[in-house]
Amino acid sequence: MEQSQKSANLQSVIFALIHGATYLPAVWLLKNREFSQPVSVIIAVVPIAMFAIFIFKLIKAFSTMDEVKQRVQLEAVVIGFSLTVMLLMILFLLSLCGISKPDWFAYGHLVVYCWLFYFIGWFISGKKYGA
């Protein structure tokens, strides 16, 4: 059981790194180069496919975790989701007031904030349960 848990965790980490390794170049290419629309779509789909595989592997790894680690992960996701929704509401309401800063809160930046909020939740939950 312990070996399968380590293997599942390692696979999810590997696919998270693969996703990052495909996402960042795809963003750079799509921002800085001109491609035909079909090529642009293919470039955009590659990191999405890698992220889907990462999520699948993460769910498999989640099923091999003990109850405390599952609780930490669940709370991290809940905290991250809640902070993300709060940020989106704030940005929406500020845009209605005519106050917005798209340089800091564009769609691409929101992905980074989602990950940041997840890690904040993971840190808080890990401290709470000593995991």
C-alpha atoms as a PDB file:
ATOM      1  CA  MET A   1       0.000   0.000   0.000  1.00  0.00           C
ATOM      2  CA  GLU A   2       2.790   2.403   0.921  1.00  0.00           C
ATOM      3  CA  GLN A   3       4.589   1.785  -2.394  1.00  0.00           C
ATOM      4  CA  SER A   4       1.428   2.397  -4.434  1.00  0.00           C
ATOM      5  CA  GLN A   5       0.809   5.625  -2.483  1.00  0.00           C
ATOM      6  CA  LYS A   6       4.323   6.885  -3.220  1.00  0.00           C
ATOM      7  CA  SER A   7       3.956   5.908  -6.868  1.00  0.00           C
ATOM      8  CA  ALA A   8       0.588   7.673  -7.189  1.00  0.00           C
ATOM      9  CA  ASN A   9       1.936  10.802  -5.468  1.00  0.00           C
ATOM     10  CA  LEU A  10       5.045  10.802  -7.655  1.00  0.00           C
ATOM     11  CA  GLN A  11       2.966  10.441 -10.826  1.00  0.00           C
ATOM     12  CA  SER A  12       0.757  13.380  -9.858  1.00  0.00           C
ATOM     13  CA  VAL A  13       3.822  15.531  -9.124  1.00  0.00           C
ATOM     14  CA  ILE A  14       5.433  14.526 -12.423  1.00  0.00           C
ATOM     15  CA  PHE A  15       2.315  15.445 -14.393  1.00  0.00           C
ATOM     16  CA  ALA A  16       2.025  18.734 -12.479  1.00  0.00           C
ATOM     17  CA  LEU A  17       5.577  19.543 -13.595  1.00  0.00           C
ATOM     18  CA  ILE A  18       4.804  18.448 -17.163  1.00  0.00           C
ATOM     19  CA  HIS A  19       1.756  20.706 -17.123  1.00  0.00           C
ATOM     20  CA  GLY A  20       3.887  23.641 -15.962  1.00  0.00           C
ATOM     21  CA  ALA A  21       6.501  22.819 -18.568  1.00  0.00           C
ATOM     22  CA  THR A  22       3.860  22.954 -21.308  1.00  0.00           C
ATOM     23  CA  TYR A  23       1.732  25.811 -19.940  1.00  0.00           C
ATOM     24  CA  LEU A  24       4.446  28.449 -19.644  1.00  0.00           C
ATOM     25  CA  PRO A  25       5.892  27.946 -23.162  1.00  0.00           C
ATOM     26  CA  ALA A  26       2.375  27.828 -24.620  1.00  0.00           C
ATOM     27  CA  VAL A  27       1.517  31.155 -22.998  1.00  0.00           C
ATOM     28  CA  TRP A  28       4.771  32.669 -24.212  1.00  0.00           C
ATOM     29  CA  LEU A  29       4.301  31.363 -27.759  1.00  0.00           C
ATOM     30  CA  LEU A  30       0.707  32.515 -28.006  1.00  0.00           C
ATOM     31  CA  LYS A  31       1.561  35.977 -26.654  1.00  0.00           C
ATOM     32  CA  ASN A  32       4.734  36.610 -28.636  1.00  0.00           C
ATOM     33  CA  ARG A  33       4.341  34.749 -31.929  1.00  0.00           C
ATOM     34  CA  GLU A  34       1.783  34.693 -34.716  1.00  0.00           C
ATOM     35  CA  PHE A  35       0.392  31.313 -35.728  1.00  0.00           C
ATOM     36  CA  SER A  36      -2.532  30.226 -37.853  1.00  0.00           C
ATOM     37  CA  GLN A  37      -5.677  29.567 -35.868  1.00  0.00           C
ATOM     38  CA  PRO A  38      -5.456  25.734 -36.033  1.00  0.00           C
ATOM     39  CA  VAL A  39      -1.842  25.793 -34.821  1.00  0.00           C
ATOM     40  CA  SER A  40      -2.761  28.233 -32.038  1.00  0.00           C
ATOM     41  CA  VAL A  41      -5.557  25.935 -30.900  1.00  0.00           C
ATOM     42  CA  ILE A  42      -3.205  22.946 -30.842  1.00  0.00           C
ATOM     43  CA  ILE A  43      -0.669  24.928 -28.808  1.00  0.00           C
ATOM     44  CA  ALA A  44      -3.444  25.944 -26.388  1.00  0.00           C
ATOM     45  CA  VAL A  45      -4.851  22.409 -26.061  1.00  0.00           C
ATOM     46  CA  VAL A  46      -1.561  20.714 -25.122  1.00  0.00           C
ATOM     47  CA  PRO A  47      -1.327  22.246 -21.600  1.00  0.00           C
ATOM     48  CA  ILE A  48      -5.050  21.666 -21.104  1.00  0.00           C
ATOM     49  CA  ALA A  49      -4.592  17.968 -21.887  1.00  0.00           C
ATOM     50  CA  MET A  50      -1.606  17.791 -19.532  1.00  0.00           C
ATOM     51  CA  PHE A  51      -3.661  19.464 -16.814  1.00  0.00           C
ATOM     52  CA  ALA A  52      -6.478  16.944 -17.332  1.00  0.00           C
ATOM     53  CA  ILE A  53      -3.995  14.073 -16.934  1.00  0.00           C
ATOM     54  CA  PHE A  54      -2.575  15.781 -13.820  1.00  0.00           C
ATOM     55  CA  ILE A  55      -6.077  16.042 -12.299  1.00  0.00           C
ATOM     56  CA  PHE A  56      -6.734  12.370 -13.075  1.00  0.00           C
ATOM     57  CA  LYS A  57      -3.438  11.346 -11.432  1.00  0.00           C
ATOM     58  CA  LEU A  58      -4.129  13.645  -8.464  1.00  0.00           C
ATOM     59  CA  ILE A  59      -7.517  12.014  -7.900  1.00  0.00           C
ATOM     60  CA  LYS A  60      -5.845   8.592  -8.018  1.00  0.00           C
ATOM     61  CA  ALA A  61      -3.234   9.793  -5.506  1.00  0.00           C
ATOM     62  CA  PHE A  62      -6.005  11.205  -3.315  1.00  0.00           C
ATOM     63  CA  SER A  63      -7.620   7.782  -3.076  1.00  0.00           C
ATOM     64  CA  THR A  64      -4.415   6.277  -1.648  1.00  0.00           C
ATOM     65  CA  MET A  65      -3.950   8.946   1.053  1.00  0.00           C
ATOM     66  CA  ASP A  66      -4.833   8.381   4.673  1.00  0.00           C
ATOM     67  CA  GLU A  67      -7.764  10.254   6.209  1.00  0.00           C
ATOM     68  CA  VAL A  68      -5.705  13.125   7.633  1.00  0.00           C
ATOM     69  CA  LYS A  69      -3.948  13.838   4.329  1.00  0.00           C
ATOM     70  CA  GLN A  70      -7.296  13.656   2.521  1.00  0.00           C
ATOM     71  CA  ARG A  71      -8.767  16.146   4.981  1.00  0.00           C
ATOM     72  CA  VAL A  72      -5.797  18.514   4.529  1.00  0.00           C
ATOM     73  CA  GLN A  73      -6.160  18.354   0.739  1.00  0.00           C
ATOM     74  CA  LEU A  74      -9.927  18.846   0.877  1.00  0.00           C
ATOM     75  CA  GLU A  75      -9.605  21.864   3.167  1.00  0.00           C
ATOM     76  CA  ALA A  76      -6.856  23.297   0.963  1.00  0.00           C
ATOM     77  CA  VAL A  77      -9.139  23.044  -2.066  1.00  0.00           C
ATOM     78  CA  VAL A  78     -12.066  24.572  -0.167  1.00  0.00           C
ATOM     79  CA  ILE A  79      -9.936  27.479   1.074  1.00  0.00           C
ATOM     80  CA  GLY A  80      -8.408  27.993  -2.364  1.00  0.00           C
ATOM     81  CA  PHE A  81     -11.799  27.869  -4.086  1.00  0.00           C
ATOM     82  CA  SER A  82     -13.324  30.277  -1.578  1.00  0.00           C
ATOM     83  CA  LEU A  83     -10.493  32.788  -1.941  1.00  0.00           C
ATOM     84  CA  THR A  84     -10.702  32.512  -5.733  1.00  0.00           C
ATOM     85  CA  VAL A  85     -14.443  33.183  -5.736  1.00  0.00           C
ATOM     86  CA  MET A  86     -13.897  36.132  -3.389  1.00  0.00           C
ATOM     87  CA  LEU A  87     -11.218  37.550  -5.705  1.00  0.00           C
ATOM     88  CA  LEU A  88     -13.507  37.167  -8.724  1.00  0.00           C
ATOM     89  CA  MET A  89     -16.347  38.938  -6.915  1.00  0.00           C
ATOM     90  CA  ILE A  90     -14.033  41.768  -5.870  1.00  0.00           C
ATOM     91  CA  LEU A  91     -12.699  42.162  -9.405  1.00  0.00           C
ATOM     92  CA  PHE A  92     -16.210  42.135 -10.874  1.00  0.00           C
ATOM     93  CA  LEU A  93     -17.511  44.715  -8.423  1.00  0.00           C
ATOM     94  CA  LEU A  94     -14.465  46.949  -8.902  1.00  0.00           C
ATOM     95  CA  SER A  95     -14.884  46.751 -12.671  1.00  0.00           C
ATOM     96  CA  LEU A  96     -18.487  47.932 -12.236  1.00  0.00           C
ATOM     97  CA  CYS A  97     -17.075  50.928 -10.358  1.00  0.00           C
ATOM     98  CA  GLY A  98     -14.673  51.615 -13.221  1.00  0.00           C
ATOM     99  CA  ILE A  99     -11.689  50.465 -11.174  1.00  0.00           C
ATOM    100  CA  SER A 100      -9.749  47.582 -12.651  1.00  0.00           C
ATOM    101  CA  LYS A 101      -6.143  46.656 -13.231  1.00  0.00           C
ATOM    102  CA  PRO A 102      -6.032  44.130 -16.102  1.00  0.00           C
ATOM    103  CA  ASP A 103      -2.232  44.061 -15.971  1.00  0.00           C
ATOM    104  CA  TRP A 104      -2.432  42.229 -12.620  1.00  0.00           C
ATOM    105  CA  PHE A 105      -5.724  40.368 -12.887  1.00  0.00           C
ATOM    106  CA  ALA A 106      -6.017  39.065 -16.450  1.00  0.00           C
ATOM    107  CA  TYR A 107      -7.270  35.515 -17.040  1.00  0.00           C
ATOM    108  CA  GLY A 108      -3.737  34.134 -17.161  1.00  0.00           C
ATOM    109  CA  HIS A 109      -2.895  35.738 -13.856  1.00  0.00           C
ATOM    110  CA  LEU A 110      -5.977  34.250 -12.217  1.00  0.00           C
ATOM    111  CA  VAL A 111      -4.502  30.770 -12.768  1.00  0.00           C
ATOM    112  CA  VAL A 112      -1.477  31.790 -10.688  1.00  0.00           C
ATOM    113  CA  TYR A 113      -3.721  33.225  -7.981  1.00  0.00           C
ATOM    114  CA  CYS A 114      -5.742  29.982  -7.871  1.00  0.00           C
ATOM    115  CA  TRP A 115      -2.568  27.980  -7.255  1.00  0.00           C
ATOM    116  CA  LEU A 116      -1.388  30.517  -4.695  1.00  0.00           C
ATOM    117  CA  PHE A 117      -4.708  30.286  -2.842  1.00  0.00           C
ATOM    118  CA  TYR A 118      -4.553  26.467  -2.903  1.00  0.00           C
ATOM    119  CA  PHE A 119      -1.065  26.517  -1.362  1.00  0.00           C
ATOM    120  CA  ILE A 120      -2.219  29.009   1.263  1.00  0.00           C
ATOM    121  CA  GLY A 121      -5.056  26.602   2.129  1.00  0.00           C
ATOM    122  CA  TRP A 122      -2.650  23.666   2.136  1.00  0.00           C
ATOM    123  CA  PHE A 123      -0.310  25.512   4.521  1.00  0.00           C
ATOM    124  CA  ILE A 124      -3.183  26.476   6.871  1.00  0.00           C
ATOM    125  CA  SER A 125      -4.641  22.949   6.891  1.00  0.00           C
ATOM    126  CA  GLY A 126      -1.241  21.329   7.285  1.00  0.00           C
ATOM    127  CA  LYS A 127      -0.534  23.470  10.341  1.00  0.00           C
ATOM    128  CA  LYS A 128      -3.981  22.736  11.737  1.00  0.00           C
ATOM    129  CA  TYR A 129      -3.590  18.950  11.529  1.00  0.00           C
ATOM    130  CA  GLY A 130       0.183  18.772  11.961  1.00  0.00           C
ATOM    131  CA  ALA A 131       0.571  17.030   8.611  1.00  0.00           C
END
